Amino acid sequence: MNKIANTEVEINIFNLLKKLWKKKFLITFVAIAFATAGLFYSLFIVTPQYTSSTRIYVINPNTPNNSITAQDLQAGSFLANDYKEIITSTDVLEKVISSEKLNYPSSQLLQKITISILKDTRVISISVEDANPKMSQKLANSVREAAVSKIKAVTQVEDITTLEKGNLPKAPSSPNIKKNVLIGFIVGAGLSTIVLVIMGILDDRVNTEEDIEKVLGLTSLGIVPDLNKL
């Protein structure tokens, strides 16, 4: 009994795959349509964003003669997380808003800022994203300057070195056109396939000689030809 049931499942899956193969051009068309929509969205709807990054190096105030040990590096990594919170603090953000005469709140500025800390180092990268490449550079440098001042005041650190100033981005960092087109293609192909699979499962029409034998439990004696095709 189980063998018969498994055979029926295999036949159903095989028939379903055959139906999907017959609709391969439709699936491809829908996938290309979604990919085109992703391209159109990336080129004409979403506003390009530019990212400028600056990096600082922070020395632990308890490090004698600036000598660095493995234990000191580990401690510095933990302190770097504290520095991250200081950089994104309201005081730093408000200082940047004031110096750059921005007309939006600190919460909006915070959304533009990304802080990353290189593993097992004291190097902190500050990245700022903006629709204007020159503004992203100005904001990155302004955030760095305000952050350095705040870190010194809070942690009593005196040795903070600027490794890199904010660069002027030449090309937008987002949107990622290739990624959006690929996502559109995959989503289009996936959705069309799912819809066709559901339609195939719900389709209980009798289409073949085998379907008749399975539904009625009778042996087919012959097939009546379609005269229109003769």
Protein backbone atom coordinates (compact mmCIF):
# COMPACT_ATOMS: atom_id res chain seq x y z
CA MET A 1 0.00 0.00 0.00
CA ASN A 2 2.81 2.39 0.93
CA LYS A 3 4.61 1.47 -2.28
CA ILE A 4 1.54 2.44 -4.32
CA ALA A 5 1.19 5.71 -2.41
CA ASN A 6 4.86 6.52 -2.96
CA THR A 7 4.49 5.76 -6.66
CA GLU A 8 1.51 8.13 -6.91
CA VAL A 9 3.48 10.87 -5.16
CA GLU A 10 6.40 10.36 -7.54
CA ILE A 11 4.03 10.50 -10.53
CA ASN A 12 2.39 13.67 -9.20
CA ILE A 13 5.75 15.36 -8.65
CA PHE A 14 6.91 14.28 -12.10
CA ASN A 15 3.74 15.65 -13.69
CA LEU A 16 4.15 18.87 -11.73
CA LEU A 17 7.71 19.25 -12.97
CA LYS A 18 6.54 18.61 -16.52
CA LYS A 19 3.96 21.38 -16.17
CA LEU A 20 6.59 23.75 -14.81
CA TRP A 21 8.91 22.90 -17.70
CA LYS A 22 6.13 23.72 -20.15
CA LYS A 23 5.79 27.11 -18.45
CA LYS A 24 9.54 27.82 -18.44
CA PHE A 25 9.18 30.75 -20.83
CA LEU A 26 6.48 32.30 -18.63
CA ILE A 27 8.68 31.88 -15.54
CA THR A 28 11.63 33.44 -17.39
CA PHE A 29 9.47 36.33 -18.61
CA VAL A 30 8.20 37.10 -15.08
CA ALA A 31 11.74 36.86 -13.69
CA ILE A 32 13.05 39.29 -16.33
CA ALA A 33 10.12 41.64 -15.66
CA PHE A 34 10.94 41.73 -11.93
CA ALA A 35 14.65 42.19 -12.70
CA THR A 36 13.76 45.11 -14.97
CA ALA A 37 11.64 46.58 -12.17
CA GLY A 38 14.65 46.29 -9.84
CA LEU A 39 16.81 48.07 -12.40
CA PHE A 40 14.22 50.82 -12.89
CA TYR A 41 13.91 51.26 -9.12
CA SER A 42 17.68 51.51 -8.70
CA LEU A 43 18.19 53.99 -11.54
CA PHE A 44 15.16 56.26 -11.35
CA ILE A 45 13.37 55.97 -7.98
CA VAL A 46 15.84 55.51 -5.12
CA THR A 47 18.20 58.40 -4.37
CA PRO A 48 21.89 57.47 -4.71
CA GLN A 49 23.83 57.66 -1.45
CA TYR A 50 27.54 58.41 -1.01
CA THR A 51 29.67 57.19 1.88
CA SER A 52 32.75 58.92 3.28
CA SER A 53 34.90 57.20 5.90
CA THR A 54 37.46 58.45 8.39
CA ARG A 55 39.53 56.43 10.88
CA ILE A 56 41.03 57.21 14.26
CA TYR A 57 43.47 55.36 16.51
CA VAL A 58 42.97 55.55 20.26
CA ILE A 59 45.72 54.84 22.81
CA ASN A 60 44.76 53.46 26.23
CA PRO A 61 45.50 56.16 28.83
CA ASN A 62 46.99 53.51 31.14
CA THR A 63 49.53 52.34 28.57
CA PRO A 64 53.05 53.38 29.69
CA ASN A 65 55.22 55.00 27.01
CA ASN A 66 52.66 53.96 24.37
CA SER A 67 53.97 50.37 24.50
CA ILE A 68 51.39 47.83 23.38
CA THR A 69 50.94 44.29 24.67
CA ALA A 70 48.46 41.56 23.72
CA GLN A 71 46.58 42.16 26.98
CA ASP A 72 46.51 45.86 26.25
CA LEU A 73 45.08 45.23 22.79
CA GLN A 74 42.31 43.09 24.29
CA ALA A 75 41.50 45.80 26.81
CA GLY A 76 41.56 48.34 24.00
CA SER A 77 38.99 46.31 22.08
CA PHE A 78 36.59 46.50 25.02
CA LEU A 79 37.23 50.22 25.36
CA ALA A 80 36.55 50.66 21.66
CA ASN A 81 32.94 49.68 22.28
CA ASP A 82 32.76 52.47 24.86
CA TYR A 83 34.17 54.86 22.28
CA LYS A 84 31.49 53.71 19.84
CA GLU A 85 28.78 54.73 22.30
CA ILE A 86 30.49 58.07 22.90
CA ILE A 87 30.75 58.80 19.16
CA THR A 88 27.03 58.24 18.68
CA SER A 89 26.01 60.09 21.83
CA THR A 90 23.54 62.96 21.66
CA ASP A 91 26.20 65.49 22.70
CA VAL A 92 28.43 64.61 19.75
CA LEU A 93 25.53 64.55 17.29
CA GLU A 94 24.15 67.89 18.48
CA LYS A 95 27.61 69.44 18.21
CA VAL A 96 27.85 68.27 14.59
CA ILE A 97 24.36 69.57 13.83
CA SER A 98 25.30 72.95 15.27
CA SER A 99 28.67 73.23 13.51
CA GLU A 100 27.30 72.15 10.13
CA LYS A 101 24.00 74.06 10.56
CA LEU A 102 21.90 71.01 9.77
CA ASN A 103 18.13 71.31 9.74
CA TYR A 104 17.26 67.80 10.93
CA PRO A 105 17.30 66.11 14.36
CA SER A 106 20.08 64.04 15.87
CA SER A 107 18.09 60.84 15.32
CA GLN A 108 18.23 61.40 11.56
CA LEU A 109 21.95 62.14 11.68
CA LEU A 110 22.50 58.96 13.68
CA GLN A 111 20.91 56.92 10.87
CA LYS A 112 23.58 58.24 8.50
CA ILE A 113 26.49 57.15 10.72
CA THR A 114 28.08 53.70 10.85
CA ILE A 115 30.77 52.90 13.41
CA SER A 116 32.99 49.86 12.89
CA ILE A 117 35.86 48.61 15.03
CA LEU A 118 38.60 46.46 13.51
CA LYS A 119 38.98 43.24 15.52
CA ASP A 120 41.81 43.20 18.09
CA THR A 121 42.78 46.78 17.28
CA ARG A 122 42.04 50.27 18.54
CA VAL A 123 41.22 51.50 15.06
CA ILE A 124 37.74 52.98 14.84
CA SER A 125 36.17 53.69 11.46
CA ILE A 126 33.48 56.37 11.19
CA SER A 127 31.39 56.29 8.00
CA VAL A 128 28.70 58.79 7.05
CA GLU A 129 26.21 58.32 4.24
CA ASP A 130 24.52 61.21 2.45
CA ALA A 131 22.94 62.00 -0.91
CA ASN A 132 25.58 64.70 -1.44
CA PRO A 133 29.17 63.36 -1.69
CA LYS A 134 30.72 66.60 -0.39
CA MET A 135 28.31 66.68 2.54
CA SER A 136 29.11 63.07 3.45
CA GLN A 137 32.80 64.04 3.58
CA LYS A 138 32.10 67.14 5.69
CA LEU A 139 29.91 65.21 8.10
CA ALA A 140 32.45 62.39 8.48
CA ASN A 141 35.21 64.84 9.40
CA SER A 142 32.89 66.84 11.65
CA VAL A 143 31.74 63.72 13.51
CA ARG A 144 35.37 62.65 13.94
CA GLU A 145 36.41 66.02 15.37
CA ALA A 146 33.46 66.16 17.77
CA ALA A 147 33.99 62.53 18.79
CA VAL A 148 37.71 63.00 19.49
CA SER A 149 36.94 65.97 21.72
CA LYS A 150 34.24 64.05 23.61
CA ILE A 151 36.37 60.90 24.03
CA LYS A 152 39.20 62.96 25.51
CA ALA A 153 36.81 64.67 27.92
CA VAL A 154 35.13 61.45 29.08
CA THR A 155 38.02 58.96 29.19
CA GLN A 156 40.96 61.33 29.82
CA VAL A 157 42.65 59.91 26.72
CA GLU A 158 45.13 62.36 25.23
CA ASP A 159 46.62 60.37 22.37
CA ILE A 160 44.03 60.02 19.60
CA THR A 161 45.50 59.92 16.11
CA THR A 162 43.63 60.53 12.88
CA LEU A 163 44.68 57.72 10.55
CA GLU A 164 42.54 58.87 7.64
CA LYS A 165 40.46 61.94 7.03
CA GLY A 166 37.09 61.65 5.36
CA ASN A 167 37.46 60.92 1.66
CA LEU A 168 35.41 62.50 -1.13
CA PRO A 169 33.46 59.57 -2.62
CA LYS A 170 33.61 59.34 -6.40
CA ALA A 171 30.78 56.86 -6.87
CA PRO A 172 27.59 56.11 -4.92
CA SER A 173 27.74 53.38 -2.30
CA SER A 174 24.06 52.58 -2.78
CA PRO A 175 21.87 51.39 -4.33
CA ASN A 176 23.63 48.22 -5.40
CA ILE A 177 22.20 47.91 -8.92
CA LYS A 178 23.51 44.39 -9.62
CA LYS A 179 22.19 43.13 -6.29
CA ASN A 180 18.74 44.68 -6.81
CA VAL A 181 18.49 43.25 -10.34
CA LEU A 182 19.51 39.79 -9.09
CA ILE A 183 17.02 39.97 -6.21
CA GLY A 184 14.29 41.02 -8.64
CA PHE A 185 15.10 38.10 -10.95
CA ILE A 186 15.09 35.55 -8.10
CA VAL A 187 11.87 36.94 -6.58
CA GLY A 188 10.13 36.95 -9.97
CA ALA A 189 11.19 33.38 -10.75
CA GLY A 190 10.29 32.21 -7.25
CA LEU A 191 6.85 33.83 -7.15
CA SER A 192 5.87 32.62 -10.61
CA THR A 193 7.02 29.09 -9.75
CA ILE A 194 5.08 29.07 -6.48
CA VAL A 195 1.91 30.30 -8.21
CA LEU A 196 2.23 27.65 -10.93
CA VAL A 197 2.85 24.91 -8.34
CA ILE A 198 -0.25 25.93 -6.37
CA MET A 199 -2.32 26.04 -9.55
CA GLY A 200 -1.01 22.60 -10.50
CA ILE A 201 -1.87 21.14 -7.09
CA LEU A 202 -5.37 22.60 -7.13
CA ASP A 203 -6.01 21.54 -10.73
CA ASP A 204 -8.19 18.42 -10.47
CA ARG A 205 -9.17 18.27 -14.12
CA VAL A 206 -8.79 15.01 -16.02
CA ASN A 207 -6.36 15.64 -18.86
CA THR A 208 -4.79 12.31 -19.79
CA GLU A 209 -5.69 8.67 -20.29
CA GLU A 210 -3.82 7.83 -17.10
CA ASP A 211 -5.94 10.37 -15.18
CA ILE A 212 -9.14 8.66 -16.38
CA GLU A 213 -7.94 5.23 -15.30
CA LYS A 214 -6.87 6.56 -11.90
CA VAL A 215 -10.10 8.50 -11.19
CA LEU A 216 -12.64 5.96 -12.49
CA GLY A 217 -10.69 2.80 -11.77
CA LEU A 218 -11.46 1.54 -15.28
CA THR A 219 -9.21 0.38 -18.07
CA SER A 220 -9.21 2.58 -21.15
CA LEU A 221 -10.35 0.75 -24.28
CA GLY A 222 -9.32 3.45 -26.71
CA ILE A 223 -8.97 7.14 -27.40
CA VAL A 224 -11.40 9.25 -29.42
CA PRO A 225 -9.31 11.47 -31.71
CA ASP A 226 -9.86 15.21 -31.98
CA LEU A 227 -11.28 15.63 -35.50
CA ASN A 228 -10.13 19.24 -35.61
CA LYS A 229 -6.54 18.05 -35.42
CA LEU A 230 -6.91 15.48 -38.20
